Amino acid sequence: MIKESDNFFEKVYTVARKIPFGRVTSYGAIAIYLGAARSARMVGWAMNKAHNLEDVPAHRVVNKKGLLTGKHHFDGTNLMQQLLENEGIVVIDNQIQDLEKVFWNPSEHLS
């Protein structure tokens, strides 16, 4: 549950924790859900800091085209891709394939 008193990063993490296994969302979709449509970059900053938080699946947040733009914030060369592939998501050249099939929109799934 998102509380009004949570700071923006905590609100982002609350949404990210709800992304189902085998699905991804975008920085922009999270920003829109939080009522801050022009804050996709700030969601990205939150995700950059989340790679140390074990309970936040930051690997499931990508850019609007399905590119793994945050991959350099993960330990190892291809950890973000490996985590996604372990969930059945196909990634080729740092881009999620069939994005429309694995995309999870928080505005459609969270009340």
N, C-alpha and C. Protein backbone atom coordinates (compact mmCIF):
# COMPACT_ATOMS: atom_id res chain seq x y z
N MET A 1 0.84 -1.17 0.00
CA MET A 1 0.00 0.00 0.00
C MET A 1 0.89 1.24 0.00
N ILE A 2 0.54 2.18 -0.85
CA ILE A 2 1.30 3.43 -0.93
C ILE A 2 0.67 4.42 0.04
N LYS A 3 1.52 4.98 0.89
CA LYS A 3 1.06 5.97 1.85
C LYS A 3 1.47 7.36 1.39
N GLU A 4 0.62 8.33 1.67
CA GLU A 4 0.91 9.71 1.30
C GLU A 4 2.22 10.18 1.92
N SER A 5 2.55 9.66 3.10
CA SER A 5 3.75 10.11 3.81
C SER A 5 5.04 9.52 3.23
N ASP A 6 4.94 8.49 2.40
CA ASP A 6 6.14 7.90 1.80
C ASP A 6 6.81 8.90 0.86
N ASN A 7 8.14 8.90 0.85
CA ASN A 7 8.82 9.76 -0.11
C ASN A 7 8.68 9.12 -1.50
N PHE A 8 9.04 9.86 -2.54
CA PHE A 8 8.83 9.40 -3.91
C PHE A 8 9.53 8.07 -4.17
N PHE A 9 10.79 7.94 -3.73
CA PHE A 9 11.51 6.69 -3.97
C PHE A 9 10.79 5.52 -3.32
N GLU A 10 10.30 5.70 -2.10
CA GLU A 10 9.57 4.61 -1.43
C GLU A 10 8.30 4.25 -2.18
N LYS A 11 7.61 5.22 -2.75
CA LYS A 11 6.42 4.95 -3.55
C LYS A 11 6.79 4.13 -4.78
N VAL A 12 7.91 4.49 -5.41
CA VAL A 12 8.38 3.74 -6.58
C VAL A 12 8.68 2.30 -6.18
N TYR A 13 9.35 2.11 -5.05
CA TYR A 13 9.70 0.76 -4.61
C TYR A 13 8.46 -0.06 -4.30
N THR A 14 7.44 0.59 -3.74
CA THR A 14 6.19 -0.12 -3.44
C THR A 14 5.56 -0.66 -4.72
N VAL A 15 5.56 0.15 -5.77
CA VAL A 15 5.02 -0.30 -7.06
C VAL A 15 5.89 -1.40 -7.64
N ALA A 16 7.20 -1.21 -7.63
CA ALA A 16 8.11 -2.20 -8.22
C ALA A 16 7.97 -3.56 -7.54
N ARG A 17 7.74 -3.57 -6.25
CA ARG A 17 7.57 -4.84 -5.53
C ARG A 17 6.34 -5.62 -6.00
N LYS A 18 5.41 -4.95 -6.66
CA LYS A 18 4.18 -5.59 -7.11
C LYS A 18 4.25 -6.11 -8.55
N ILE A 19 5.35 -5.82 -9.24
CA ILE A 19 5.49 -6.31 -10.62
C ILE A 19 5.60 -7.84 -10.57
N PRO A 20 4.70 -8.53 -11.24
CA PRO A 20 4.71 -9.99 -11.17
C PRO A 20 5.95 -10.62 -11.81
N PHE A 21 6.31 -11.78 -11.33
CA PHE A 21 7.37 -12.61 -11.89
C PHE A 21 7.10 -12.79 -13.38
N GLY A 22 8.11 -12.62 -14.21
CA GLY A 22 7.95 -12.83 -15.64
C GLY A 22 7.32 -11.66 -16.38
N ARG A 23 7.20 -10.52 -15.72
CA ARG A 23 6.61 -9.33 -16.34
C ARG A 23 7.55 -8.15 -16.12
N VAL A 24 7.41 -7.11 -16.91
CA VAL A 24 8.18 -5.88 -16.76
C VAL A 24 7.26 -4.68 -16.87
N THR A 25 7.74 -3.56 -16.39
CA THR A 25 7.05 -2.29 -16.59
C THR A 25 8.10 -1.25 -16.94
N SER A 26 7.65 -0.04 -17.18
CA SER A 26 8.58 1.02 -17.57
C SER A 26 8.65 2.10 -16.50
N TYR A 27 9.71 2.88 -16.58
CA TYR A 27 9.87 4.01 -15.67
C TYR A 27 8.66 4.94 -15.80
N GLY A 28 8.27 5.20 -17.04
CA GLY A 28 7.15 6.10 -17.29
C GLY A 28 5.83 5.58 -16.77
N ALA A 29 5.60 4.28 -16.90
CA ALA A 29 4.34 3.70 -16.42
C ALA A 29 4.23 3.83 -14.90
N ILE A 30 5.35 3.66 -14.21
CA ILE A 30 5.34 3.85 -12.76
C ILE A 30 5.09 5.32 -12.42
N ALA A 31 5.74 6.22 -13.14
CA ALA A 31 5.56 7.65 -12.89
C ALA A 31 4.10 8.06 -13.10
N ILE A 32 3.49 7.59 -14.19
CA ILE A 32 2.09 7.91 -14.46
C ILE A 32 1.20 7.37 -13.34
N TYR A 33 1.43 6.14 -12.92
CA TYR A 33 0.64 5.55 -11.84
C TYR A 33 0.74 6.39 -10.57
N LEU A 34 1.91 6.93 -10.30
CA LEU A 34 2.12 7.72 -9.09
C LEU A 34 1.63 9.16 -9.23
N GLY A 35 1.06 9.49 -10.39
CA GLY A 35 0.54 10.84 -10.59
C GLY A 35 1.62 11.86 -10.90
N ALA A 36 2.75 11.38 -11.36
CA ALA A 36 3.89 12.25 -11.67
C ALA A 36 4.38 11.92 -13.08
N ALA A 37 3.51 12.09 -14.06
CA ALA A 37 3.76 11.62 -15.43
C ALA A 37 5.08 12.10 -16.02
N ARG A 38 5.57 13.24 -15.59
CA ARG A 38 6.81 13.78 -16.17
C ARG A 38 8.04 13.38 -15.36
N SER A 39 7.90 12.39 -14.50
CA SER A 39 8.99 12.02 -13.59
C SER A 39 9.59 10.65 -13.88
N ALA A 40 9.54 10.20 -15.12
CA ALA A 40 10.12 8.90 -15.46
C ALA A 40 11.60 8.85 -15.09
N ARG A 41 12.30 9.96 -15.32
CA ARG A 41 13.74 9.98 -15.00
C ARG A 41 13.95 9.81 -13.49
N MET A 42 13.08 10.40 -12.69
CA MET A 42 13.21 10.26 -11.23
C MET A 42 12.94 8.81 -10.81
N VAL A 43 12.02 8.14 -11.49
CA VAL A 43 11.79 6.71 -11.24
C VAL A 43 13.07 5.95 -11.57
N GLY A 44 13.74 6.33 -12.65
CA GLY A 44 15.01 5.70 -13.01
C GLY A 44 16.06 5.89 -11.93
N TRP A 45 16.12 7.08 -11.35
CA TRP A 45 17.08 7.33 -10.26
C TRP A 45 16.76 6.44 -9.07
N ALA A 46 15.47 6.28 -8.79
CA ALA A 46 15.07 5.39 -7.68
C ALA A 46 15.51 3.95 -7.97
N MET A 47 15.30 3.51 -9.20
CA MET A 47 15.71 2.15 -9.56
C MET A 47 17.22 1.98 -9.48
N ASN A 48 17.96 3.02 -9.84
CA ASN A 48 19.43 2.96 -9.74
C ASN A 48 19.88 2.72 -8.31
N LYS A 49 19.16 3.28 -7.37
CA LYS A 49 19.50 3.10 -5.95
C LYS A 49 18.94 1.78 -5.40
N ALA A 50 17.99 1.18 -6.09
CA ALA A 50 17.31 -0.02 -5.59
C ALA A 50 18.10 -1.29 -5.80
N HIS A 51 19.16 -1.27 -6.60
CA HIS A 51 19.87 -2.51 -6.88
C HIS A 51 20.49 -3.11 -5.62
N ASN A 52 20.58 -2.35 -4.55
CA ASN A 52 21.08 -2.88 -3.28
C ASN A 52 19.95 -3.38 -2.37
N LEU A 53 18.72 -3.16 -2.77
CA LEU A 53 17.57 -3.60 -1.97
C LEU A 53 17.07 -4.93 -2.52
N GLU A 54 17.28 -5.98 -1.76
CA GLU A 54 16.93 -7.32 -2.26
C GLU A 54 15.45 -7.52 -2.56
N ASP A 55 14.58 -6.77 -1.87
CA ASP A 55 13.15 -6.99 -2.07
C ASP A 55 12.55 -6.12 -3.17
N VAL A 56 13.36 -5.37 -3.89
CA VAL A 56 12.87 -4.54 -4.99
C VAL A 56 13.39 -5.13 -6.30
N PRO A 57 12.50 -5.68 -7.13
CA PRO A 57 12.94 -6.30 -8.39
C PRO A 57 13.22 -5.25 -9.47
N ALA A 58 14.28 -4.48 -9.27
CA ALA A 58 14.62 -3.40 -10.18
C ALA A 58 14.87 -3.89 -11.60
N HIS A 59 15.25 -5.15 -11.75
CA HIS A 59 15.50 -5.70 -13.09
C HIS A 59 14.23 -5.74 -13.94
N ARG A 60 13.07 -5.63 -13.32
CA ARG A 60 11.80 -5.68 -14.04
C ARG A 60 11.34 -4.31 -14.53
N VAL A 61 12.16 -3.29 -14.35
CA VAL A 61 11.80 -1.95 -14.81
C VAL A 61 12.76 -1.55 -15.93
N VAL A 62 12.19 -1.25 -17.09
CA VAL A 62 12.97 -0.95 -18.28
C VAL A 62 12.45 0.34 -18.91
N ASN A 63 13.07 0.79 -19.98
CA ASN A 63 12.55 1.99 -20.61
C ASN A 63 11.33 1.64 -21.47
N LYS A 64 10.68 2.65 -22.01
CA LYS A 64 9.40 2.44 -22.71
C LYS A 64 9.52 1.57 -23.95
N LYS A 65 10.74 1.43 -24.48
CA LYS A 65 10.95 0.58 -25.65
C LYS A 65 11.42 -0.82 -25.28
N GLY A 66 11.54 -1.08 -23.97
CA GLY A 66 11.99 -2.39 -23.53
C GLY A 66 13.49 -2.54 -23.45
N LEU A 67 14.21 -1.43 -23.53
CA LEU A 67 15.67 -1.49 -23.43
C LEU A 67 16.12 -1.59 -21.98
N LEU A 68 17.18 -2.35 -21.75
CA LEU A 68 17.72 -2.53 -20.41
C LEU A 68 18.66 -1.37 -20.09
N THR A 69 18.10 -0.18 -19.99
CA THR A 69 18.91 1.02 -19.80
C THR A 69 19.55 1.09 -18.42
N GLY A 70 19.04 0.35 -17.45
CA GLY A 70 19.62 0.38 -16.12
C GLY A 70 20.61 -0.73 -15.84
N LYS A 71 20.98 -1.49 -16.86
CA LYS A 71 21.79 -2.69 -16.65
C LYS A 71 23.14 -2.42 -16.02
N HIS A 72 23.72 -1.25 -16.26
CA HIS A 72 25.04 -0.97 -15.71
C HIS A 72 25.03 -0.72 -14.20
N HIS A 73 23.84 -0.66 -13.61
CA HIS A 73 23.73 -0.50 -12.15
C HIS A 73 23.70 -1.84 -11.42
N PHE A 74 23.73 -2.93 -12.17
CA PHE A 74 23.73 -4.26 -11.59
C PHE A 74 25.15 -4.81 -11.58
N ASP A 75 25.45 -5.60 -10.56
CA ASP A 75 26.76 -6.25 -10.51
C ASP A 75 26.86 -7.22 -11.68
N GLY A 76 28.04 -7.35 -12.23
CA GLY A 76 28.23 -8.28 -13.34
C GLY A 76 27.85 -7.64 -14.66
N THR A 77 28.32 -8.22 -15.72
CA THR A 77 28.12 -7.65 -17.05
C THR A 77 26.68 -7.77 -17.53
N ASN A 78 26.07 -8.92 -17.31
CA ASN A 78 24.73 -9.17 -17.85
C ASN A 78 23.73 -9.60 -16.79
N LEU A 79 23.91 -9.18 -15.55
CA LEU A 79 23.04 -9.66 -14.48
C LEU A 79 21.57 -9.31 -14.71
N MET A 80 21.29 -8.08 -15.14
CA MET A 80 19.90 -7.69 -15.37
C MET A 80 19.26 -8.61 -16.41
N GLN A 81 19.97 -8.84 -17.50
CA GLN A 81 19.45 -9.73 -18.54
C GLN A 81 19.27 -11.15 -18.01
N GLN A 82 20.24 -11.63 -17.26
CA GLN A 82 20.15 -13.00 -16.71
C GLN A 82 18.94 -13.13 -15.78
N LEU A 83 18.70 -12.14 -14.95
CA LEU A 83 17.55 -12.19 -14.04
C LEU A 83 16.24 -12.23 -14.83
N LEU A 84 16.16 -11.44 -15.88
CA LEU A 84 14.95 -11.44 -16.71
C LEU A 84 14.79 -12.77 -17.44
N GLU A 85 15.88 -13.28 -17.99
CA GLU A 85 15.80 -14.55 -18.71
C GLU A 85 15.44 -15.70 -17.77
N ASN A 86 15.87 -15.62 -16.51
CA ASN A 86 15.48 -16.64 -15.52
C ASN A 86 13.97 -16.62 -15.27
N GLU A 87 13.32 -15.52 -15.61
CA GLU A 87 11.88 -15.41 -15.46
C GLU A 87 11.14 -15.69 -16.77
N GLY A 88 11.88 -16.12 -17.79
CA GLY A 88 11.27 -16.49 -19.05
C GLY A 88 11.15 -15.36 -20.05
N ILE A 89 11.74 -14.22 -19.77
CA ILE A 89 11.68 -13.08 -20.67
C ILE A 89 12.85 -13.18 -21.66
N VAL A 90 12.55 -13.01 -22.93
CA VAL A 90 13.56 -13.10 -23.97
C VAL A 90 14.17 -11.72 -24.19
N VAL A 91 15.50 -11.66 -24.10
CA VAL A 91 16.23 -10.41 -24.29
C VAL A 91 17.27 -10.63 -25.38
N ILE A 92 17.22 -9.78 -26.41
CA ILE A 92 18.20 -9.83 -27.50
C ILE A 92 18.75 -8.42 -27.69
N ASP A 93 20.08 -8.30 -27.69
CA ASP A 93 20.75 -7.00 -27.85
C ASP A 93 20.20 -5.97 -26.86
N ASN A 94 20.11 -6.39 -25.60
CA ASN A 94 19.67 -5.51 -24.51
C ASN A 94 18.24 -5.01 -24.66
N GLN A 95 17.42 -5.71 -25.43
CA GLN A 95 16.04 -5.30 -25.61
C GLN A 95 15.11 -6.48 -25.41
N ILE A 96 14.06 -6.24 -24.64
CA ILE A 96 13.06 -7.27 -24.38
C ILE A 96 12.27 -7.53 -25.65
N GLN A 97 12.12 -8.78 -25.98
CA GLN A 97 11.34 -9.18 -27.14
C GLN A 97 9.88 -9.38 -26.72
N ASP A 98 8.97 -9.11 -27.63
CA ASP A 98 7.53 -9.24 -27.35
C ASP A 98 7.15 -8.44 -26.11
N LEU A 99 7.61 -7.18 -26.06
CA LEU A 99 7.35 -6.32 -24.90
C LEU A 99 5.87 -6.23 -24.58
N GLU A 100 5.03 -6.15 -25.60
CA GLU A 100 3.59 -6.01 -25.35
C GLU A 100 3.01 -7.22 -24.60
N LYS A 101 3.63 -8.38 -24.74
CA LYS A 101 3.14 -9.59 -24.06
C LYS A 101 3.57 -9.66 -22.60
N VAL A 102 4.72 -9.10 -22.27
CA VAL A 102 5.23 -9.19 -20.90
C VAL A 102 5.08 -7.88 -20.13
N PHE A 103 4.54 -6.85 -20.80
CA PHE A 103 4.42 -5.54 -20.14
C PHE A 103 3.30 -5.56 -19.11
N TRP A 104 3.60 -5.04 -17.93
CA TRP A 104 2.64 -4.93 -16.83
C TRP A 104 2.44 -3.45 -16.53
N ASN A 105 1.21 -2.98 -16.69
CA ASN A 105 0.92 -1.56 -16.46
C ASN A 105 0.31 -1.40 -15.08
N PRO A 106 1.01 -0.74 -14.16
CA PRO A 106 0.47 -0.60 -12.80
C PRO A 106 -0.86 0.13 -12.76
N SER A 107 -1.11 1.05 -13.70
CA SER A 107 -2.37 1.78 -13.71
C SER A 107 -3.56 0.87 -14.00
N GLU A 108 -3.30 -0.25 -14.66
CA GLU A 108 -4.37 -1.20 -14.99
C GLU A 108 -4.52 -2.29 -13.93
N HIS A 109 -3.51 -2.49 -13.09
CA HIS A 109 -3.53 -3.62 -12.17
C HIS A 109 -3.57 -3.24 -10.70
N LEU A 110 -3.28 -1.99 -10.38
CA LEU A 110 -3.29 -1.56 -8.97
C LEU A 110 -4.40 -0.54 -8.78
N SER A 111 -5.04 -0.59 -7.66
CA SER A 111 -6.13 0.39 -7.43
C SER A 111 -5.64 1.54 -6.62
